[in-house]
Structure formats: C-alpha cells, structure tokens
C-alpha cells in the first residue's frame, strides 16, 4: 500500500510543479517580449508567448 501512496504523492507533486512552472514560463516570455534589447529578440519572445497562450487556451 505504501507504493500506491508514494505514486499518488509523486503524481500530485508533479502536477503541482507543472502548475507553477507554466505561469513562470509565460511570465518570463512576457518580460522578455517587453524588455529585450533588440527588436528580433522581442519579436521572438512575442512569438513564443503567442504559442504558449494559444496552446493553453485549447486545454
């Protein structure tokens, strides 16, 4: 029974990490899109942000 509980715990931990990691990634892309020193980097960051947000809305 302890193996099943360990699997449940590990799954919940992975879900929690994913829940935190996604907004951090979106925030980083948004800040890069605003603060990057070159226009090309800002454009690339906006593209990444668009992809992340478009994929998130489908779920």
C-alpha atoms as a PDB file:
ATOM      1  CA  UNK A   1       0.000   0.000   0.000  1.00  0.00           C
ATOM      2  CA  UNK A   2       2.894   2.403   0.620  1.00  0.00           C
ATOM      3  CA  UNK A   3       3.915   2.122  -3.051  1.00  0.00           C
ATOM      4  CA  UNK A   4       0.461   3.279  -4.142  1.00  0.00           C
ATOM      5  CA  UNK A   5       0.598   6.188  -1.729  1.00  0.00           C
ATOM      6  CA  UNK A   6       4.068   7.097  -2.964  1.00  0.00           C
ATOM      7  CA  UNK A   7       2.802   7.092  -6.566  1.00  0.00           C
ATOM      8  CA  UNK A   8      -0.149   9.309  -5.634  1.00  0.00           C
ATOM      9  CA  UNK A   9       2.182  11.669  -3.790  1.00  0.00           C
ATOM     10  CA  UNK A  10       4.636  11.794  -6.692  1.00  0.00           C
ATOM     11  CA  UNK A  11       1.822  12.444  -9.167  1.00  0.00           C
ATOM     12  CA  UNK A  12       0.439  15.254  -7.050  1.00  0.00           C
ATOM     13  CA  UNK A  13       3.918  16.726  -6.707  1.00  0.00           C
ATOM     14  CA  UNK A  14       4.470  16.603 -10.476  1.00  0.00           C
ATOM     15  CA  UNK A  15       1.098  18.275 -11.084  1.00  0.00           C
ATOM     16  CA  UNK A  16       1.958  20.992  -8.591  1.00  0.00           C
ATOM     17  CA  UNK A  17       5.319  21.630 -10.197  1.00  0.00           C
ATOM     18  CA  UNK A  18       3.667  21.861 -13.615  1.00  0.00           C
ATOM     19  CA  UNK A  19       1.095  24.276 -12.231  1.00  0.00           C
ATOM     20  CA  UNK A  20       3.879  26.572 -11.036  1.00  0.00           C
ATOM     21  CA  UNK A  21       6.244  26.090 -13.972  1.00  0.00           C
ATOM     22  CA  UNK A  22       3.782  27.108 -16.709  1.00  0.00           C
ATOM     23  CA  UNK A  23       2.973  30.598 -15.325  1.00  0.00           C
ATOM     24  CA  UNK A  24       6.668  31.205 -14.643  1.00  0.00           C
ATOM     25  CA  UNK A  25       7.442  30.340 -18.270  1.00  0.00           C
ATOM     26  CA  UNK A  26       4.684  32.633 -19.578  1.00  0.00           C
ATOM     27  CA  UNK A  27       5.825  35.461 -17.302  1.00  0.00           C
ATOM     28  CA  UNK A  28       9.430  35.070 -18.442  1.00  0.00           C
ATOM     29  CA  UNK A  29       8.381  35.171 -22.103  1.00  0.00           C
ATOM     30  CA  UNK A  30       6.216  38.250 -21.482  1.00  0.00           C
ATOM     31  CA  UNK A  31       9.017  40.085 -19.698  1.00  0.00           C
ATOM     32  CA  UNK A  32      11.452  39.170 -22.445  1.00  0.00           C
ATOM     33  CA  UNK A  33       8.989  40.431 -25.062  1.00  0.00           C
ATOM     34  CA  UNK A  34       8.849  43.758 -23.222  1.00  0.00           C
ATOM     35  CA  UNK A  35      12.446  44.197 -22.098  1.00  0.00           C
ATOM     36  CA  UNK A  36      14.672  42.501 -24.687  1.00  0.00           C
ATOM     37  CA  UNK A  37      17.384  44.794 -26.035  1.00  0.00           C
ATOM     38  CA  UNK A  38      16.890  44.010 -29.730  1.00  0.00           C
ATOM     39  CA  UNK A  39      13.739  44.026 -31.859  1.00  0.00           C
ATOM     40  CA  UNK A  40      14.433  40.481 -33.088  1.00  0.00           C
ATOM     41  CA  UNK A  41      14.555  39.088 -29.545  1.00  0.00           C
ATOM     42  CA  UNK A  42      11.348  40.921 -28.628  1.00  0.00           C
ATOM     43  CA  UNK A  43       9.628  39.544 -31.722  1.00  0.00           C
ATOM     44  CA  UNK A  44      10.833  36.009 -30.941  1.00  0.00           C
ATOM     45  CA  UNK A  45       9.624  36.311 -27.342  1.00  0.00           C
ATOM     46  CA  UNK A  46       6.203  37.507 -28.543  1.00  0.00           C
ATOM     47  CA  UNK A  47       6.045  34.514 -30.881  1.00  0.00           C
ATOM     48  CA  UNK A  48       6.832  32.131 -28.014  1.00  0.00           C
ATOM     49  CA  UNK A  49       4.254  33.866 -25.822  1.00  0.00           C
ATOM     50  CA  UNK A  50       1.632  33.555 -28.565  1.00  0.00           C
ATOM     51  CA  UNK A  51       2.333  29.847 -28.914  1.00  0.00           C
ATOM     52  CA  UNK A  52       2.194  29.246 -25.150  1.00  0.00           C
ATOM     53  CA  UNK A  53      -1.075  31.102 -24.697  1.00  0.00           C
ATOM     54  CA  UNK A  54      -2.729  29.607 -27.769  1.00  0.00           C
ATOM     55  CA  UNK A  55      -1.887  26.064 -26.623  1.00  0.00           C
ATOM     56  CA  UNK A  56      -3.062  26.793 -23.083  1.00  0.00           C
ATOM     57  CA  UNK A  57      -6.499  28.018 -24.202  1.00  0.00           C
ATOM     58  CA  UNK A  58      -7.154  24.760 -26.086  1.00  0.00           C
ATOM     59  CA  UNK A  59      -6.839  22.634 -22.950  1.00  0.00           C
END
